[in-house]
Amino acid sequence: MANKPILIWGAGAIGGILGAYWARAGQDVVMVDIDESHVKVCSTEGILIEGPATDGEFRQKIPTFTPKSLSGTFDVIVLAVKAQATKTALSQLLPHLSDDGFILSAQNGLNERLIANMAGAERTMGAFVNYGSDWQEPGRILYGNRGAVVVGELDGSIRPRTKQMHALMQQFEPEAILTHNIWGYLWGKLGYGAMLFATALTPDSMSANFANPERSPALVNLAREVMAVALAENVTPLGFNGFTPESYFPDSPNSEAEKSISALVEFTANTAKTHSGIWRDLAIRKRKTEVDPQIGIITEIAAEHGIKTPLLTRLVELIHDIEDGKREQSAETFNELLNAMEQEI
């Protein structure tokens, strides 16, 4: 693999950092992005990786193309676009995937389902990333904090290609994990992700939201709803970076959930990325979030099992209201989640 180019589709907060670290380590990397200004800087001056999680900021020049200007086929394509762009990206990248190649999803959500449907399950590999990063401007990425990085096959097997991708991830994150249960990590991230979407309802930092005792019940119950759906799917959710899924299982006492919340206060306080990418999409970049493919899909799966998810459903509505300019990011908007809880009592 070291002598074969890896294609990273989406050179933003996730893909840009992976590409820069891999290229710096000697791996042949090619990137694709839809932002022409970003493409130009990455290819000429080089992509700048900065922030406290780096071992010293650096620039790395990487051949980067727009989808229309790319040519050739690749054995490994790392998909790192926003979840809502997955279908479009797949339609563009599949002609560039070799017959025996595969796609690794380095995204948030359950995008592996869609990738497997469009590309084939055998050509799909899962990944879980929880490091803190933000796209700042063309050619500039903030690496705010280290976080869990995991690689695994959808069927739980460990193959030579899985080991190769794990070794590649270790070039970026030495503590990267090779797992038999990638779905467990993905569902765990969905529980944590639901909380992060809730923090984006306010202008406050992630840590400030987790530390607010008045908001804690809503955060806990969002995670509880996600975990109930995961268990119905026969998935054993796995924890990471302070998030302990079992603390939010239906029969788990609130005291255990509060311990996990305290751990998340500490984890989110120790980063230069003070707010979630969701908050940044709403407050800074003024664009649609991943709420439908990340949170909306959970409510759809829940309905298939006859499980009610009132808080997740309300969260999706509130995020859409902010996207549409009907609400502001405020404490009052977050309180709508608390009101939804009271209505269920």
C-alpha atoms as a PDB file:
ATOM      1  CA  MET A   1       0.000   0.000   0.000  1.00  0.00           C
ATOM      2  CA  ALA A   2       2.885   2.337   0.748  1.00  0.00           C
ATOM      3  CA  ASN A   3       3.750   2.629  -2.969  1.00  0.00           C
ATOM      4  CA  LYS A   4       0.161   2.978  -4.194  1.00  0.00           C
ATOM      5  CA  PRO A   5      -1.603   6.323  -4.002  1.00  0.00           C
ATOM      6  CA  ILE A   6      -4.526   6.627  -1.618  1.00  0.00           C
ATOM      7  CA  LEU A   7      -7.366   8.878  -2.693  1.00  0.00           C
ATOM      8  CA  ILE A   8      -9.006  11.040  -0.029  1.00  0.00           C
ATOM      9  CA  TRP A   9     -12.388  12.326  -1.163  1.00  0.00           C
ATOM     10  CA  GLY A  10     -13.060  15.435   0.915  1.00  0.00           C
ATOM     11  CA  ALA A  11      -9.986  17.401   2.038  1.00  0.00           C
ATOM     12  CA  GLY A  12     -11.590  19.234   4.943  1.00  0.00           C
ATOM     13  CA  ALA A  13     -11.365  18.894   8.711  1.00  0.00           C
ATOM     14  CA  ILE A  14     -11.055  15.096   8.694  1.00  0.00           C
ATOM     15  CA  GLY A  15      -9.661  14.242   5.282  1.00  0.00           C
ATOM     16  CA  GLY A  16      -7.240  17.153   5.132  1.00  0.00           C
ATOM     17  CA  ILE A  17      -5.565  16.189   8.390  1.00  0.00           C
ATOM     18  CA  LEU A  18      -5.324  12.501   7.471  1.00  0.00           C
ATOM     19  CA  GLY A  19      -3.914  13.364   4.058  1.00  0.00           C
ATOM     20  CA  ALA A  20      -1.335  15.771   5.436  1.00  0.00           C
ATOM     21  CA  TYR A  21      -0.056  13.365   8.089  1.00  0.00           C
ATOM     22  CA  TRP A  22       0.052  10.422   5.704  1.00  0.00           C
ATOM     23  CA  ALA A  23       1.831  12.386   2.998  1.00  0.00           C
ATOM     24  CA  ARG A  24       4.343  13.704   5.507  1.00  0.00           C
ATOM     25  CA  ALA A  25       5.023  10.085   6.558  1.00  0.00           C
ATOM     26  CA  GLY A  26       5.813   9.133   2.961  1.00  0.00           C
ATOM     27  CA  GLN A  27       2.505   7.708   1.794  1.00  0.00           C
ATOM     28  CA  ASP A  28       1.504   8.690  -1.745  1.00  0.00           C
ATOM     29  CA  VAL A  29      -1.733  10.673  -1.305  1.00  0.00           C
ATOM     30  CA  VAL A  30      -4.126  12.354  -3.724  1.00  0.00           C
ATOM     31  CA  MET A  31      -7.056  14.458  -2.508  1.00  0.00           C
ATOM     32  CA  VAL A  32     -10.343  15.672  -3.995  1.00  0.00           C
ATOM     33  CA  ASP A  33     -12.407  18.628  -2.835  1.00  0.00           C
ATOM     34  CA  ILE A  34     -15.227  20.727  -4.281  1.00  0.00           C
ATOM     35  CA  ASP A  35     -13.751  24.034  -3.032  1.00  0.00           C
ATOM     36  CA  GLU A  36     -11.566  25.244  -5.910  1.00  0.00           C
ATOM     37  CA  SER A  37      -9.669  27.714  -3.713  1.00  0.00           C
ATOM     38  CA  HIS A  38      -8.851  24.946  -1.229  1.00  0.00           C
ATOM     39  CA  VAL A  39      -7.772  22.655  -4.071  1.00  0.00           C
ATOM     40  CA  LYS A  40      -5.379  25.302  -5.401  1.00  0.00           C
ATOM     41  CA  VAL A  41      -3.724  26.034  -2.050  1.00  0.00           C
ATOM     42  CA  CYS A  42      -3.305  22.355  -1.138  1.00  0.00           C
ATOM     43  CA  SER A  43      -1.666  21.647  -4.495  1.00  0.00           C
ATOM     44  CA  THR A  44       0.625  24.683  -4.602  1.00  0.00           C
ATOM     45  CA  GLU A  45       1.489  26.185  -1.210  1.00  0.00           C
ATOM     46  CA  GLY A  46       0.406  23.074   0.693  1.00  0.00           C
ATOM     47  CA  ILE A  47      -2.232  22.450   3.327  1.00  0.00           C
ATOM     48  CA  LEU A  48      -1.413  24.005   6.720  1.00  0.00           C
ATOM     49  CA  ILE A  49      -2.123  21.894   9.820  1.00  0.00           C
ATOM     50  CA  GLU A  50      -2.011  23.982  12.994  1.00  0.00           C
ATOM     51  CA  GLY A  51      -3.180  23.792  16.582  1.00  0.00           C
ATOM     52  CA  PRO A  52      -2.181  22.293  19.938  1.00  0.00           C
ATOM     53  CA  ALA A  53      -2.664  18.668  18.851  1.00  0.00           C
ATOM     54  CA  THR A  54       0.076  18.893  16.232  1.00  0.00           C
ATOM     55  CA  ASP A  55       3.695  18.101  16.981  1.00  0.00           C
ATOM     56  CA  GLY A  56       4.447  21.496  15.492  1.00  0.00           C
ATOM     57  CA  GLU A  57       2.392  23.086  12.735  1.00  0.00           C
ATOM     58  CA  PHE A  58       3.406  22.162   9.216  1.00  0.00           C
ATOM     59  CA  ARG A  59       2.507  22.573   5.562  1.00  0.00           C
ATOM     60  CA  GLN A  60       2.206  19.606   3.248  1.00  0.00           C
ATOM     61  CA  LYS A  61       1.852  19.906  -0.496  1.00  0.00           C
ATOM     62  CA  ILE A  62      -0.560  17.267  -1.835  1.00  0.00           C
ATOM     63  CA  PRO A  63      -1.894  16.841  -5.379  1.00  0.00           C
ATOM     64  CA  THR A  64      -5.518  17.917  -5.005  1.00  0.00           C
ATOM     65  CA  PHE A  65      -8.250  17.987  -7.634  1.00  0.00           C
ATOM     66  CA  THR A  66     -11.882  18.876  -8.094  1.00  0.00           C
ATOM     67  CA  PRO A  67     -14.171  15.911  -8.844  1.00  0.00           C
ATOM     68  CA  LYS A  68     -14.287  16.869 -12.534  1.00  0.00           C
ATOM     69  CA  SER A  69     -10.513  17.222 -12.942  1.00  0.00           C
ATOM     70  CA  LEU A  70      -9.554  13.907 -11.304  1.00  0.00           C
ATOM     71  CA  SER A  71      -8.435  10.993 -13.461  1.00  0.00           C
ATOM     72  CA  GLY A  72      -7.304   7.423 -12.796  1.00  0.00           C
ATOM     73  CA  THR A  73      -8.401   4.598 -10.503  1.00  0.00           C
ATOM     74  CA  PHE A  74      -7.445   3.835  -6.917  1.00  0.00           C
ATOM     75  CA  ASP A  75      -7.414   0.743  -4.714  1.00  0.00           C
ATOM     76  CA  VAL A  76      -8.219   2.707  -1.551  1.00  0.00           C
ATOM     77  CA  ILE A  77     -10.560   5.684  -1.345  1.00  0.00           C
ATOM     78  CA  VAL A  78     -11.086   7.370   2.023  1.00  0.00           C
ATOM     79  CA  LEU A  79     -14.457   9.133   2.036  1.00  0.00           C
ATOM     80  CA  ALA A  80     -14.402  12.184   4.304  1.00  0.00           C
ATOM     81  CA  VAL A  81     -17.284  14.374   3.149  1.00  0.00           C
ATOM     82  CA  LYS A  82     -20.236  15.569   5.204  1.00  0.00           C
ATOM     83  CA  ALA A  83     -22.816  12.826   5.639  1.00  0.00           C
ATOM     84  CA  GLN A  84     -25.424  14.589   3.514  1.00  0.00           C
ATOM     85  CA  ALA A  85     -22.949  14.696   0.592  1.00  0.00           C
ATOM     86  CA  THR A  86     -22.266  10.947   0.686  1.00  0.00           C
ATOM     87  CA  LYS A  87     -24.595   9.885  -2.130  1.00  0.00           C
ATOM     88  CA  THR A  88     -23.357  12.568  -4.517  1.00  0.00           C
ATOM     89  CA  ALA A  89     -19.715  11.868  -3.657  1.00  0.00           C
ATOM     90  CA  LEU A  90     -20.195   8.137  -4.216  1.00  0.00           C
ATOM     91  CA  SER A  91     -21.677   8.677  -7.660  1.00  0.00           C
ATOM     92  CA  GLN A  92     -18.594  10.730  -8.538  1.00  0.00           C
ATOM     93  CA  LEU A  93     -15.928   8.512  -6.977  1.00  0.00           C
ATOM     94  CA  LEU A  94     -17.109   5.019  -7.928  1.00  0.00           C
ATOM     95  CA  PRO A  95     -15.698   5.294 -11.469  1.00  0.00           C
ATOM     96  CA  HIS A  96     -12.311   5.911  -9.823  1.00  0.00           C
ATOM     97  CA  LEU A  97     -12.472   2.811  -7.587  1.00  0.00           C
ATOM     98  CA  SER A  98     -10.574  -0.202  -8.923  1.00  0.00           C
ATOM     99  CA  ASP A  99     -12.416  -3.512  -9.315  1.00  0.00           C
ATOM    100  CA  ASP A 100     -10.800  -4.984  -6.200  1.00  0.00           C
ATOM    101  CA  GLY A 101     -10.587  -1.693  -4.302  1.00  0.00           C
ATOM    102  CA  PHE A 102     -12.553  -0.489  -1.280  1.00  0.00           C
ATOM    103  CA  ILE A 103     -13.931   2.663   0.325  1.00  0.00           C
ATOM    104  CA  LEU A 104     -13.204   3.556   3.941  1.00  0.00           C
ATOM    105  CA  SER A 105     -15.741   5.905   5.519  1.00  0.00           C
ATOM    106  CA  ALA A 106     -14.038   8.417   7.813  1.00  0.00           C
ATOM    107  CA  GLN A 107     -17.310  10.219   8.510  1.00  0.00           C
ATOM    108  CA  ASN A 108     -19.884  10.729  11.223  1.00  0.00           C
ATOM    109  CA  GLY A 109     -23.066   8.682  11.170  1.00  0.00           C
ATOM    110  CA  LEU A 110     -24.060   5.389   9.582  1.00  0.00           C
ATOM    111  CA  ASN A 111     -22.842   6.192   6.081  1.00  0.00           C
ATOM    112  CA  GLU A 112     -21.410   2.702   5.732  1.00  0.00           C
ATOM    113  CA  ARG A 113     -24.972   1.530   5.084  1.00  0.00           C
ATOM    114  CA  LEU A 114     -25.317   3.761   2.034  1.00  0.00           C
ATOM    115  CA  ILE A 115     -21.796   3.027   0.819  1.00  0.00           C
ATOM    116  CA  ALA A 116     -22.412  -0.717   1.063  1.00  0.00           C
ATOM    117  CA  ASN A 117     -25.659  -0.341  -0.892  1.00  0.00           C
ATOM    118  CA  MET A 118     -24.028   1.646  -3.682  1.00  0.00           C
ATOM    119  CA  ALA A 119     -20.552   0.125  -3.816  1.00  0.00           C
ATOM    120  CA  GLY A 120     -21.122  -3.308  -2.268  1.00  0.00           C
ATOM    121  CA  ALA A 121     -20.500  -4.492   1.283  1.00  0.00           C
ATOM    122  CA  GLU A 122     -17.231  -6.180   0.277  1.00  0.00           C
ATOM    123  CA  ARG A 123     -15.941  -2.857  -1.012  1.00  0.00           C
ATOM    124  CA  THR A 124     -16.789  -0.980   2.198  1.00  0.00           C
ATOM    125  CA  MET A 125     -14.793  -0.554   5.410  1.00  0.00           C
ATOM    126  CA  GLY A 126     -15.766   1.388   8.505  1.00  0.00           C
ATOM    127  CA  ALA A 127     -13.803   3.910  10.518  1.00  0.00           C
ATOM    128  CA  PHE A 128     -14.482   5.971  13.608  1.00  0.00           C
ATOM    129  CA  VAL A 129     -12.723   9.275  14.287  1.00  0.00           C
ATOM    130  CA  ASN A 130     -13.177  11.567  17.271  1.00  0.00           C
ATOM    131  CA  TYR A 131     -10.291  14.009  17.019  1.00  0.00           C
ATOM    132  CA  GLY A 132     -11.166  17.693  17.104  1.00  0.00           C
ATOM    133  CA  SER A 133     -10.569  19.617  13.890  1.00  0.00           C
ATOM    134  CA  ASP A 134     -12.016  22.541  11.934  1.00  0.00           C
ATOM    135  CA  TRP A 135     -11.629  23.838   8.393  1.00  0.00           C
ATOM    136  CA  GLN A 136     -10.549  27.454   8.896  1.00  0.00           C
ATOM    137  CA  GLU A 137     -10.073  28.741   5.353  1.00  0.00           C
ATOM    138  CA  PRO A 138      -8.693  27.421   2.055  1.00  0.00           C
ATOM    139  CA  GLY A 139      -5.538  25.452   2.801  1.00  0.00           C
ATOM    140  CA  ARG A 140      -5.782  25.804   6.593  1.00  0.00           C
ATOM    141  CA  ILE A 141      -7.023  23.221   9.114  1.00  0.00           C
ATOM    142  CA  LEU A 142      -7.107  23.454  12.915  1.00  0.00           C
ATOM    143  CA  TYR A 143      -6.146  20.250  14.740  1.00  0.00           C
ATOM    144  CA  GLY A 144      -7.603  21.044  18.142  1.00  0.00           C
ATOM    145  CA  ASN A 145      -7.210  17.818  20.087  1.00  0.00           C
ATOM    146  CA  ARG A 146      -6.393  14.164  19.698  1.00  0.00           C
ATOM    147  CA  GLY A 147      -9.210  11.657  19.978  1.00  0.00           C
ATOM    148  CA  ALA A 148     -10.115   8.050  19.369  1.00  0.00           C
ATOM    149  CA  VAL A 149      -9.431   6.592  15.904  1.00  0.00           C
ATOM    150  CA  VAL A 150     -10.764   3.130  15.042  1.00  0.00           C
ATOM    151  CA  VAL A 151     -10.829   0.913  11.927  1.00  0.00           C
ATOM    152  CA  GLY A 152     -12.958  -2.187  11.354  1.00  0.00           C
ATOM    153  CA  GLU A 153     -14.728  -4.328   8.756  1.00  0.00           C
ATOM    154  CA  LEU A 154     -18.507  -4.225   8.583  1.00  0.00           C
ATOM    155  CA  ASP A 155     -18.745  -7.975   9.176  1.00  0.00           C
ATOM    156  CA  GLY A 156     -16.373  -7.889  12.152  1.00  0.00           C
ATOM    157  CA  SER A 157     -13.583  -9.797  10.419  1.00  0.00           C
ATOM    158  CA  ILE A 158      -9.919  -8.835  10.466  1.00  0.00           C
ATOM    159  CA  ARG A 159      -8.336  -9.067   7.027  1.00  0.00           C
ATOM    160  CA  PRO A 160      -4.951  -8.101   5.584  1.00  0.00           C
ATOM    161  CA  ARG A 161      -6.486  -4.900   4.206  1.00  0.00           C
ATOM    162  CA  THR A 162      -7.937  -4.057   7.633  1.00  0.00           C
ATOM    163  CA  LYS A 163      -4.515  -4.451   9.221  1.00  0.00           C
ATOM    164  CA  GLN A 164      -2.988  -2.299   6.494  1.00  0.00           C
ATOM    165  CA  MET A 165      -5.469   0.507   7.090  1.00  0.00           C
ATOM    166  CA  HIS A 166      -4.958   0.218  10.834  1.00  0.00           C
ATOM    167  CA  ALA A 167      -1.201   0.563  10.330  1.00  0.00           C
ATOM    168  CA  LEU A 168      -1.830   3.601   8.158  1.00  0.00           C
ATOM    169  CA  MET A 169      -4.055   5.159  10.820  1.00  0.00           C
ATOM    170  CA  GLN A 170      -1.285   4.554  13.361  1.00  0.00           C
ATOM    171  CA  GLN A 171       0.977   6.812  11.301  1.00  0.00           C
ATOM    172  CA  PHE A 172      -1.467   9.586  12.197  1.00  0.00           C
ATOM    173  CA  GLU A 173      -2.685   8.395  15.618  1.00  0.00           C
ATOM    174  CA  PRO A 174      -0.319   5.902  17.314  1.00  0.00           C
ATOM    175  CA  GLU A 175      -3.104   4.688  19.609  1.00  0.00           C
ATOM    176  CA  ALA A 176      -5.500   3.881  16.739  1.00  0.00           C
ATOM    177  CA  ILE A 177      -7.603   0.770  17.400  1.00  0.00           C
ATOM    178  CA  LEU A 178      -8.295  -2.244  15.174  1.00  0.00           C
ATOM    179  CA  THR A 179     -11.750  -3.552  16.102  1.00  0.00           C
ATOM    180  CA  HIS A 180     -14.101  -6.471  15.490  1.00  0.00           C
ATOM    181  CA  ASN A 181     -17.026  -4.186  16.400  1.00  0.00           C
ATOM    182  CA  ILE A 182     -16.930  -1.047  14.255  1.00  0.00           C
ATOM    183  CA  TRP A 183     -20.725  -0.740  14.518  1.00  0.00           C
ATOM    184  CA  GLY A 184     -20.356  -0.494  18.293  1.00  0.00           C
ATOM    185  CA  TYR A 185     -18.092   2.525  17.923  1.00  0.00           C
ATOM    186  CA  LEU A 186     -20.308   4.115  15.279  1.00  0.00           C
ATOM    187  CA  TRP A 187     -23.412   3.807  17.469  1.00  0.00           C
ATOM    188  CA  GLY A 188     -21.440   5.057  20.456  1.00  0.00           C
ATOM    189  CA  LYS A 189     -20.483   8.133  18.429  1.00  0.00           C
ATOM    190  CA  LEU A 190     -24.148   8.635  17.511  1.00  0.00           C
ATOM    191  CA  GLY A 191     -25.021   8.846  21.207  1.00  0.00           C
ATOM    192  CA  TYR A 192     -22.265  11.375  21.827  1.00  0.00           C
ATOM    193  CA  GLY A 193     -23.144  13.117  18.570  1.00  0.00           C
ATOM    194  CA  ALA A 194     -26.745  13.638  19.659  1.00  0.00           C
ATOM    195  CA  MET A 195     -25.398  15.491  22.678  1.00  0.00           C
ATOM    196  CA  LEU A 196     -23.143  17.622  20.486  1.00  0.00           C
ATOM    197  CA  PHE A 197     -26.081  18.580  18.276  1.00  0.00           C
ATOM    198  CA  ALA A 198     -27.857  19.726  21.424  1.00  0.00           C
ATOM    199  CA  THR A 199     -24.878  21.871  22.466  1.00  0.00           C
ATOM    200  CA  ALA A 200     -25.098  23.571  19.051  1.00  0.00           C
ATOM    201  CA  LEU A 201     -28.539  24.877  19.978  1.00  0.00           C
ATOM    202  CA  THR A 202     -26.751  27.458  22.141  1.00  0.00           C
ATOM    203  CA  PRO A 203     -23.827  29.866  21.626  1.00  0.00           C
ATOM    204  CA  ASP A 204     -22.002  28.233  24.546  1.00  0.00           C
ATOM    205  CA  SER A 205     -18.992  25.940  24.238  1.00  0.00           C
ATOM    206  CA  MET A 206     -19.325  22.165  24.344  1.00  0.00           C
ATOM    207  CA  SER A 207     -17.747  22.074  27.798  1.00  0.00           C
ATOM    208  CA  ALA A 208     -20.044  24.800  29.158  1.00  0.00           C
ATOM    209  CA  ASN A 209     -23.088  22.875  27.968  1.00  0.00           C
ATOM    210  CA  PHE A 210     -21.938  19.623  29.534  1.00  0.00           C
ATOM    211  CA  ALA A 211     -21.104  21.450  32.772  1.00  0.00           C
ATOM    212  CA  ASN A 212     -24.551  23.069  33.017  1.00  0.00           C
ATOM    213  CA  PRO A 213     -26.634  20.989  35.462  1.00  0.00           C
ATOM    214  CA  GLU A 214     -29.888  22.405  34.106  1.00  0.00           C
ATOM    215  CA  ARG A 215     -29.092  21.054  30.629  1.00  0.00           C
ATOM    216  CA  SER A 216     -27.724  17.716  31.772  1.00  0.00           C
ATOM    217  CA  PRO A 217     -31.103  15.885  31.881  1.00  0.00           C
ATOM    218  CA  ALA A 218     -31.748  16.614  28.202  1.00  0.00           C
ATOM    219  CA  LEU A 219     -28.234  15.557  27.201  1.00  0.00           C
ATOM    220  CA  VAL A 220     -28.536  12.338  29.175  1.00  0.00           C
ATOM    221  CA  ASN A 221     -31.933  11.457  27.756  1.00  0.00           C
ATOM    222  CA  LEU A 222     -30.813  12.097  24.180  1.00  0.00           C
ATOM    223  CA  ALA A 223     -28.038   9.562  24.681  1.00  0.00           C
ATOM    224  CA  ARG A 224     -30.481   7.164  26.340  1.00  0.00           C
ATOM    225  CA  GLU A 225     -32.747   7.275  23.285  1.00  0.00           C
ATOM    226  CA  VAL A 226     -29.832   6.515  20.958  1.00  0.00           C
ATOM    227  CA  MET A 227     -28.602   3.641  23.115  1.00  0.00           C
ATOM    228  CA  ALA A 228     -32.088   2.103  23.228  1.00  0.00           C
ATOM    229  CA  VAL A 229     -32.147   2.026  19.427  1.00  0.00           C
ATOM    230  CA  ALA A 230     -28.613   0.606  19.243  1.00  0.00           C
ATOM    231  CA  LEU A 231     -29.556  -2.228  21.589  1.00  0.00           C
ATOM    232  CA  ALA A 232     -32.669  -2.930  19.508  1.00  0.00           C
ATOM    233  CA  GLU A 233     -30.340  -3.244  16.509  1.00  0.00           C
ATOM    234  CA  ASN A 234     -28.385  -5.913  18.451  1.00  0.00           C
ATOM    235  CA  VAL A 235     -25.338  -3.659  18.571  1.00  0.00           C
ATOM    236  CA  THR A 236     -23.070  -3.479  21.602  1.00  0.00           C
ATOM    237  CA  PRO A 237     -22.095   0.216  21.735  1.00  0.00           C
ATOM    238  CA  LEU A 238     -18.497   0.951  22.721  1.00  0.00           C
ATOM    239  CA  GLY A 239     -17.116   3.933  24.599  1.00  0.00           C
ATOM    240  CA  PHE A 240     -14.357   6.455  23.959  1.00  0.00           C
ATOM    241  CA  ASN A 241     -12.909   9.717  25.323  1.00  0.00           C
ATOM    242  CA  GLY A 242     -15.192   9.901  28.370  1.00  0.00           C
ATOM    243  CA  PHE A 243     -18.373   8.708  26.684  1.00  0.00           C
ATOM    244  CA  THR A 244     -19.459   5.411  28.269  1.00  0.00           C
ATOM    245  CA  PRO A 245     -22.503   4.011  26.389  1.00  0.00           C
ATOM    246  CA  GLU A 246     -23.531   1.635  29.165  1.00  0.00           C
ATOM    247  CA  SER A 247     -24.069   4.661  31.418  1.00  0.00           C
ATOM    248  CA  TYR A 248     -27.040   5.573  29.210  1.00  0.00           C
ATOM    249  CA  PHE A 249     -28.612   2.131  28.859  1.00  0.00           C
ATOM    250  CA  PRO A 250     -32.320   2.014  29.842  1.00  0.00           C
ATOM    251  CA  ASP A 251     -31.621   0.364  33.206  1.00  0.00           C
ATOM    252  CA  SER A 252     -28.567   2.438  34.084  1.00  0.00           C
ATOM    253  CA  PRO A 253     -28.969   4.805  37.073  1.00  0.00           C
ATOM    254  CA  ASN A 254     -28.666   8.545  36.539  1.00  0.00           C
ATOM    255  CA  SER A 255     -25.590   8.569  38.766  1.00  0.00           C
ATOM    256  CA  GLU A 256     -23.661   6.627  36.115  1.00  0.00           C
ATOM    257  CA  ALA A 257     -24.793   8.980  33.364  1.00  0.00           C
ATOM    258  CA  GLU A 258     -23.696  11.963  35.445  1.00  0.00           C
ATOM    259  CA  LYS A 259     -20.214  10.420  35.822  1.00  0.00           C
ATOM    260  CA  SER A 260     -19.975  10.170  32.058  1.00  0.00           C
ATOM    261  CA  ILE A 261     -21.156  13.763  31.669  1.00  0.00           C
ATOM    262  CA  SER A 262     -18.409  14.883  34.070  1.00  0.00           C
ATOM    263  CA  ALA A 263     -15.823  13.029  32.001  1.00  0.00           C
ATOM    264  CA  LEU A 264     -17.111  14.746  28.864  1.00  0.00           C
ATOM    265  CA  VAL A 265     -16.796  18.131  30.576  1.00  0.00           C
ATOM    266  CA  GLU A 266     -13.100  17.438  31.054  1.00  0.00           C
ATOM    267  CA  PHE A 267     -12.529  16.021  27.561  1.00  0.00           C
ATOM    268  CA  THR A 268     -14.227  18.914  25.775  1.00  0.00           C
ATOM    269  CA  ALA A 269     -12.497  21.495  27.983  1.00  0.00           C
ATOM    270  CA  ASN A 270      -9.048  20.363  26.832  1.00  0.00           C
ATOM    271  CA  THR A 271      -9.213  21.373  23.197  1.00  0.00           C
ATOM    272  CA  ALA A 272      -8.704  24.372  20.975  1.00  0.00           C
ATOM    273  CA  LYS A 273     -11.910  23.290  19.233  1.00  0.00           C
ATOM    274  CA  THR A 274     -14.268  24.782  21.799  1.00  0.00           C
ATOM    275  CA  HIS A 275     -17.471  24.305  19.784  1.00  0.00           C
ATOM    276  CA  SER A 276     -18.704  21.411  17.691  1.00  0.00           C
ATOM    277  CA  GLY A 277     -18.543  21.302  13.921  1.00  0.00           C
ATOM    278  CA  ILE A 278     -22.338  21.454  14.032  1.00  0.00           C
ATOM    279  CA  TRP A 279     -22.208  24.766  15.880  1.00  0.00           C
ATOM    280  CA  ARG A 280     -19.663  26.026  13.340  1.00  0.00           C
ATOM    281  CA  ASP A 281     -21.921  25.033  10.435  1.00  0.00           C
ATOM    282  CA  LEU A 282     -24.778  27.022  11.968  1.00  0.00           C
ATOM    283  CA  ALA A 283     -22.986  30.024  13.454  1.00  0.00           C
ATOM    284  CA  ILE A 284     -20.003  30.568  11.150  1.00  0.00           C
ATOM    285  CA  ARG A 285     -20.452  28.825   7.828  1.00  0.00           C
ATOM    286  CA  LYS A 286     -24.233  29.347   7.689  1.00  0.00           C
ATOM    287  CA  ARG A 287     -24.920  26.029   6.008  1.00  0.00           C
ATOM    288  CA  LYS A 288     -26.961  22.889   6.513  1.00  0.00           C
ATOM    289  CA  THR A 289     -25.770  20.458   9.165  1.00  0.00           C
ATOM    290  CA  GLU A 290     -25.629  16.661   9.138  1.00  0.00           C
ATOM    291  CA  VAL A 291     -28.708  16.432  11.367  1.00  0.00           C
ATOM    292  CA  ASP A 292     -30.823  14.346   8.980  1.00  0.00           C
ATOM    293  CA  PRO A 293     -28.262  11.633   8.099  1.00  0.00           C
ATOM    294  CA  GLN A 294     -26.906  11.563  11.667  1.00  0.00           C
ATOM    295  CA  ILE A 295     -29.915  12.069  13.935  1.00  0.00           C
ATOM    296  CA  GLY A 296     -32.898  11.738  11.628  1.00  0.00           C
ATOM    297  CA  ILE A 297     -31.800   8.260  10.583  1.00  0.00           C
ATOM    298  CA  ILE A 298     -31.874   7.137  14.228  1.00  0.00           C
ATOM    299  CA  THR A 299     -35.515   8.190  14.547  1.00  0.00           C
ATOM    300  CA  GLU A 300     -36.304   6.237  11.368  1.00  0.00           C
ATOM    301  CA  ILE A 301     -34.601   3.098  12.667  1.00  0.00           C
ATOM    302  CA  ALA A 302     -36.315   3.585  16.033  1.00  0.00           C
ATOM    303  CA  ALA A 303     -39.716   3.676  14.307  1.00  0.00           C
ATOM    304  CA  GLU A 304     -38.945   0.315  12.671  1.00  0.00           C
ATOM    305  CA  HIS A 305     -38.542  -1.122  16.188  1.00  0.00           C
ATOM    306  CA  GLY A 306     -41.573   0.690  17.611  1.00  0.00           C
ATOM    307  CA  ILE A 307     -39.333   2.834  19.842  1.00  0.00           C
ATOM    308  CA  LYS A 308     -40.345   6.406  20.626  1.00  0.00           C
ATOM    309  CA  THR A 309     -37.623   9.070  20.395  1.00  0.00           C
ATOM    310  CA  PRO A 310     -39.308  12.350  21.379  1.00  0.00           C
ATOM    311  CA  LEU A 311     -36.110  14.227  22.233  1.00  0.00           C
ATOM    312  CA  LEU A 312     -34.235  13.163  19.105  1.00  0.00           C
ATOM    313  CA  THR A 313     -37.259  14.100  17.002  1.00  0.00           C
ATOM    314  CA  ARG A 314     -37.482  17.504  18.670  1.00  0.00           C
ATOM    315  CA  LEU A 315     -33.719  18.015  18.279  1.00  0.00           C
ATOM    316  CA  VAL A 316     -33.983  17.519  14.522  1.00  0.00           C
ATOM    317  CA  GLU A 317     -36.814  20.066  14.380  1.00  0.00           C
ATOM    318  CA  LEU A 318     -34.863  22.637  16.387  1.00  0.00           C
ATOM    319  CA  ILE A 319     -31.730  22.291  14.269  1.00  0.00           C
ATOM    320  CA  HIS A 320     -33.843  22.758  11.137  1.00  0.00           C
ATOM    321  CA  ASP A 321     -35.427  25.849  12.679  1.00  0.00           C
ATOM    322  CA  ILE A 322     -31.965  27.371  13.203  1.00  0.00           C
ATOM    323  CA  GLU A 323     -30.886  26.403   9.686  1.00  0.00           C
ATOM    324  CA  ASP A 324     -34.003  28.080   8.293  1.00  0.00           C
ATOM    325  CA  GLY A 325     -33.577  31.251  10.351  1.00  0.00           C
ATOM    326  CA  LYS A 326     -36.687  30.602  12.438  1.00  0.00           C
ATOM    327  CA  ARG A 327     -34.771  30.358  15.727  1.00  0.00           C
ATOM    328  CA  GLU A 328     -31.511  31.629  17.140  1.00  0.00           C
ATOM    329  CA  GLN A 329     -28.856  29.603  18.898  1.00  0.00           C
ATOM    330  CA  SER A 330     -29.829  30.416  22.459  1.00  0.00           C
ATOM    331  CA  ALA A 331     -30.577  29.054  25.905  1.00  0.00           C
ATOM    332  CA  GLU A 332     -34.265  29.431  25.067  1.00  0.00           C
ATOM    333  CA  THR A 333     -33.874  27.134  22.059  1.00  0.00           C
ATOM    334  CA  PHE A 334     -32.155  24.511  24.210  1.00  0.00           C
ATOM    335  CA  ASN A 335     -34.972  24.814  26.731  1.00  0.00           C
ATOM    336  CA  GLU A 336     -37.314  23.479  24.056  1.00  0.00           C
ATOM    337  CA  LEU A 337     -35.639  20.097  24.601  1.00  0.00           C
ATOM    338  CA  LEU A 338     -36.382  20.337  28.316  1.00  0.00           C
ATOM    339  CA  ASN A 339     -39.981  21.229  27.501  1.00  0.00           C
ATOM    340  CA  ALA A 340     -40.205  18.158  25.286  1.00  0.00           C
ATOM    341  CA  MET A 341     -39.030  16.046  28.229  1.00  0.00           C
ATOM    342  CA  GLU A 342     -41.688  17.496  30.514  1.00  0.00           C
ATOM    343  CA  GLN A 343     -44.395  16.720  27.967  1.00  0.00           C
ATOM    344  CA  GLU A 344     -43.362  13.063  28.016  1.00  0.00           C
ATOM    345  CA  ILE A 345     -43.611  12.765  31.797  1.00  0.00           C
END
